[in-house]
C-alpha atoms as a PDB file:
ATOM      1  CA  MET A   1      -0.389   6.665  -2.605  1.00  0.00           C
ATOM      2  CA  SER A   2       0.603   4.720   0.494  1.00  0.00           C
ATOM      3  CA  PHE A   3       0.792   0.450   0.608  1.00  0.00           C
ATOM      4  CA  SER A   4       0.204   0.553   4.376  1.00  0.00           C
ATOM      5  CA  VAL A   5      -0.328  -3.244   3.857  1.00  0.00           C
ATOM      6  CA  PRO A   6       2.126  -5.685   6.623  1.00  0.00           C
ATOM      7  CA  ILE A   7       4.668  -6.188   5.811  1.00  0.00           C
ATOM      8  CA  ALA A   8       4.592  -3.473   2.867  1.00  0.00           C
ATOM      9  CA  LEU A   9       8.305  -3.269   1.240  1.00  0.00           C
ATOM     10  CA  HIS A  10       9.378  -2.515  -2.273  1.00  0.00           C
ATOM     11  CA  GLY A  11       7.744  -4.139  -4.455  1.00  0.00           C
ATOM     12  CA  TYR A  12       4.895  -6.220  -2.606  1.00  0.00           C
ATOM     13  CA  ASP A  13       2.129  -3.648  -3.698  1.00  0.00           C
ATOM     14  CA  GLY A  14       2.862  -5.282  -7.440  1.00  0.00           C
ATOM     15  CA  ILE A  15       2.625  -8.438  -6.441  1.00  0.00           C
ATOM     16  CA  ALA A  16      -0.804  -8.001  -4.876  1.00  0.00           C
ATOM     17  CA  LEU A  17      -1.803  -5.721  -7.927  1.00  0.00           C
ATOM     18  CA  PHE A  18      -1.390  -8.311 -10.363  1.00  0.00           C
ATOM     19  CA  GLY A  19      -2.561 -11.354  -7.812  1.00  0.00           C
ATOM     20  CA  THR A  20      -1.774 -13.222  -4.547  1.00  0.00           C
ATOM     21  CA  ALA A  21       1.448 -15.429  -6.158  1.00  0.00           C
ATOM     22  CA  GLY A  22       0.377 -17.989  -2.410  1.00  0.00           C
ATOM     23  CA  LEU A  23       0.978 -15.128  -0.292  1.00  0.00           C
ATOM     24  CA  PRO A  24      -1.245 -14.979   2.228  1.00  0.00           C
ATOM     25  CA  THR A  25      -1.616 -11.933   3.674  1.00  0.00           C
ATOM     26  CA  PHE A  26      -3.113 -10.080  -0.188  1.00  0.00           C
ATOM     27  CA  PRO A  27      -7.167 -10.727   0.425  1.00  0.00           C
ATOM     28  CA  GLU A  28      -8.988 -10.576  -3.279  1.00  0.00           C
ATOM     29  CA  SER A  29     -10.912  -7.568  -1.872  1.00  0.00           C
ATOM     30  CA  LEU A  30      -6.878  -5.141  -1.666  1.00  0.00           C
ATOM     31  CA  THR A  31      -6.148  -6.659  -4.955  1.00  0.00           C
ATOM     32  CA  SER A  32      -9.702  -6.156  -6.580  1.00  0.00           C
ATOM     33  CA  LEU A  33      -8.691  -2.736  -4.871  1.00  0.00           C
ATOM     34  CA  LEU A  34      -5.628  -1.568  -6.816  1.00  0.00           C
ATOM     35  CA  GLN A  35      -6.774  -2.893 -10.390  1.00  0.00           C
ATOM     36  CA  ARG A  36      -9.668  -0.720 -10.249  1.00  0.00           C
ATOM     37  CA  ILE A  37      -7.477   1.958  -9.061  1.00  0.00           C
ATOM     38  CA  VAL A  38      -4.999   1.340 -11.965  1.00  0.00           C
ATOM     39  CA  GLY A  39      -7.376   1.053 -13.437  1.00  0.00           C
ATOM     40  CA  THR A  40      -9.368   4.114 -13.783  1.00  0.00           C
ATOM     41  CA  PHE A  41      -6.051   6.033 -13.840  1.00  0.00           C
ATOM     42  CA  VAL A  42      -4.997   4.347 -17.491  1.00  0.00           C
ATOM     43  CA  ALA A  43      -8.973   4.888 -18.703  1.00  0.00           C
ATOM     44  CA  THR A  44      -9.147   8.576 -17.773  1.00  0.00           C
ATOM     45  CA  GLY A  45      -5.414   9.346 -17.026  1.00  0.00           C
ATOM     46  CA  SER A  46      -7.207  10.345 -12.929  1.00  0.00           C
ATOM     47  CA  MET A  47      -6.745   8.594  -9.979  1.00  0.00           C
ATOM     48  CA  HIS A  48      -9.887  10.055  -8.377  1.00  0.00           C
ATOM     49  CA  TRP A  49      -8.526  10.623  -5.541  1.00  0.00           C
ATOM     50  CA  PRO A  50      -6.946  14.714  -4.504  1.00  0.00           C
ATOM     51  CA  ALA A  51      -4.146  15.620  -5.152  1.00  0.00           C
ATOM     52  CA  PHE A  52      -1.347  15.669  -2.808  1.00  0.00           C
ATOM     53  CA  THR A  53      -1.317  19.726  -2.997  1.00  0.00           C
ATOM     54  CA  ALA A  54      -1.167  21.791  -0.341  1.00  0.00           C
ATOM     55  CA  PRO A  55      -3.017  23.435   2.237  1.00  0.00           C
ATOM     56  CA  GLU A  56      -4.083  20.203   3.055  1.00  0.00           C
ATOM     57  CA  TRP A  57      -1.771  17.439   1.344  1.00  0.00           C
ATOM     58  CA  PRO A  58      -3.906  14.178   0.964  1.00  0.00           C
ATOM     59  CA  MET A  59      -3.156  10.666   0.313  1.00  0.00           C
ATOM     60  CA  LEU A  60      -4.319   7.549  -0.723  1.00  0.00           C
ATOM     61  CA  ASN A  61      -3.394   4.729   2.673  1.00  0.00           C
ATOM     62  CA  VAL A  62      -3.558   1.315   1.395  1.00  0.00           C
ATOM     63  CA  ASN A  63      -3.991  -1.644   3.793  1.00  0.00           C
ATOM     64  CA  VAL A  64      -6.172  -4.807   5.036  1.00  0.00           C
ATOM     65  CA  THR A  65      -7.568  -4.842   8.259  1.00  0.00           C
ATOM     66  CA  GLY A  66      -8.639  -8.569  10.070  1.00  0.00           C
ATOM     67  CA  GLY A  67      -6.897 -11.049  10.452  1.00  0.00           C
ATOM     68  CA  ARG A  68      -4.495 -11.832  12.731  1.00  0.00           C
ATOM     69  CA  ALA A  69      -0.006 -11.001  12.749  1.00  0.00           C
ATOM     70  CA  VAL A  70       1.907 -14.024  12.416  1.00  0.00           C
ATOM     71  CA  PRO A  71       5.779 -14.213  12.094  1.00  0.00           C
ATOM     72  CA  VAL A  72       6.321 -13.665   8.327  1.00  0.00           C
ATOM     73  CA  GLU A  73       6.785 -16.613   5.955  1.00  0.00           C
ATOM     74  CA  ASN A  74       7.570 -15.994   2.665  1.00  0.00           C
ATOM     75  CA  PRO A  75       8.758 -18.342  -0.382  1.00  0.00           C
ATOM     76  CA  PHE A  76       9.781 -16.132  -2.718  1.00  0.00           C
ATOM     77  CA  ASP A  77      11.414 -13.567  -0.337  1.00  0.00           C
ATOM     78  CA  ALA A  78      13.114 -15.412   1.979  1.00  0.00           C
ATOM     79  CA  GLY A  79      15.157 -12.630   3.273  1.00  0.00           C
ATOM     80  CA  VAL A  80      12.117 -11.138   5.001  1.00  0.00           C
ATOM     81  CA  ASN A  81      11.589 -14.680   6.881  1.00  0.00           C
ATOM     82  CA  GLY A  82      13.036 -14.631  10.639  1.00  0.00           C
ATOM     83  CA  VAL A  83      13.520 -10.939  10.915  1.00  0.00           C
ATOM     84  CA  GLY A  84      10.613 -10.122  13.397  1.00  0.00           C
ATOM     85  CA  ALA A  85       8.685  -8.449  10.467  1.00  0.00           C
ATOM     86  CA  GLU A  86       4.708 -10.010  10.932  1.00  0.00           C
ATOM     87  CA  TRP A  87       1.707  -9.837   8.277  1.00  0.00           C
ATOM     88  CA  MET A  88      -1.485 -10.383   8.930  1.00  0.00           C
ATOM     89  CA  VAL A  89      -3.261 -13.387   7.534  1.00  0.00           C
ATOM     90  CA  GLY A  90      -6.608 -15.679   8.704  1.00  0.00           C
ATOM     91  CA  MET A  91      -9.998 -14.731   8.229  1.00  0.00           C
ATOM     92  CA  GLY A  92     -12.574 -11.328   8.264  1.00  0.00           C
ATOM     93  CA  LEU A  93      -8.676 -10.361   6.560  1.00  0.00           C
ATOM     94  CA  GLU A  94     -10.324  -7.243   3.661  1.00  0.00           C
ATOM     95  CA  GLY A  95      -8.720  -5.062   2.106  1.00  0.00           C
ATOM     96  CA  TYR A  96      -9.272  -0.974   2.272  1.00  0.00           C
ATOM     97  CA  GLY A  97      -8.014   2.584   1.081  1.00  0.00           C
ATOM     98  CA  ARG A  98      -8.796   5.845   2.831  1.00  0.00           C
ATOM     99  CA  VAL A  99      -7.642   8.882   2.294  1.00  0.00           C
ATOM    100  CA  VAL A 100      -5.338  10.553   4.871  1.00  0.00           C
ATOM    101  CA  ASP A 101      -3.364  12.997   6.097  1.00  0.00           C
ATOM    102  CA  GLY A 102      -0.395  12.396   4.071  1.00  0.00           C
ATOM    103  CA  ARG A 103       2.031  15.562   5.107  1.00  0.00           C
ATOM    104  CA  GLY A 104       2.141  14.117   9.222  1.00  0.00           C
ATOM    105  CA  TRP A 105       1.419  10.400   7.877  1.00  0.00           C
ATOM    106  CA  GLU A 106       4.027   8.118   9.507  1.00  0.00           C
ATOM    107  CA  ALA A 107       6.158  10.222  11.471  1.00  0.00           C
ATOM    108  CA  GLY A 108       6.648  12.669   8.474  1.00  0.00           C
ATOM    109  CA  ARG A 109       6.058  10.191   5.537  1.00  0.00           C
ATOM    110  CA  GLY A 110       5.404  14.061   3.869  1.00  0.00           C
ATOM    111  CA  GLU A 111       8.010  15.331   3.660  1.00  0.00           C
ATOM    112  CA  ARG A 112      10.249  12.534   1.752  1.00  0.00           C
ATOM    113  CA  CYS A 113       7.192  13.101  -0.355  1.00  0.00           C
ATOM    114  CA  GLY A 114       8.133  16.578  -1.104  1.00  0.00           C
ATOM    115  CA  PHE A 115      11.873  15.909  -1.489  1.00  0.00           C
ATOM    116  CA  TRP A 116      11.242  12.774  -4.413  1.00  0.00           C
ATOM    117  CA  ARG A 117       8.240  15.916  -5.900  1.00  0.00           C
ATOM    118  CA  ASP A 118      10.681  18.425  -5.851  1.00  0.00           C
ATOM    119  CA  MET A 119      13.616  16.709  -7.841  1.00  0.00           C
ATOM    120  CA  THR A 120      11.013  16.267 -10.499  1.00  0.00           C
ATOM    121  CA  ARG A 121      10.721  19.675 -10.781  1.00  0.00           C
ATOM    122  CA  LEU A 122      14.964  19.769 -11.604  1.00  0.00           C
END
């Protein structure tokens, strides 16, 4: 799974999963989506989307649509404030998930994913 919600820093998926903590970029629909994914996995042992395997290499991308881009002002992570990062806020912000080409995603994310998958086999 790819968590692509601007600003998609390490650990922000956990904030979105367990509640927004007052951050304007994570709409309730995103939190609900992530909670359904985790709940389904806990209940069934399956994520219910295709496995990241050849030759298609499908991957679930989790993101948001709508809103407007504004500079990040995060009271919980001041290190991202003032560095030019943006996130989406405002009316119409909705979370979604869709299956995408994992090998070609974000200029070669598939290669990085493959590296970590191979590391688990050592």
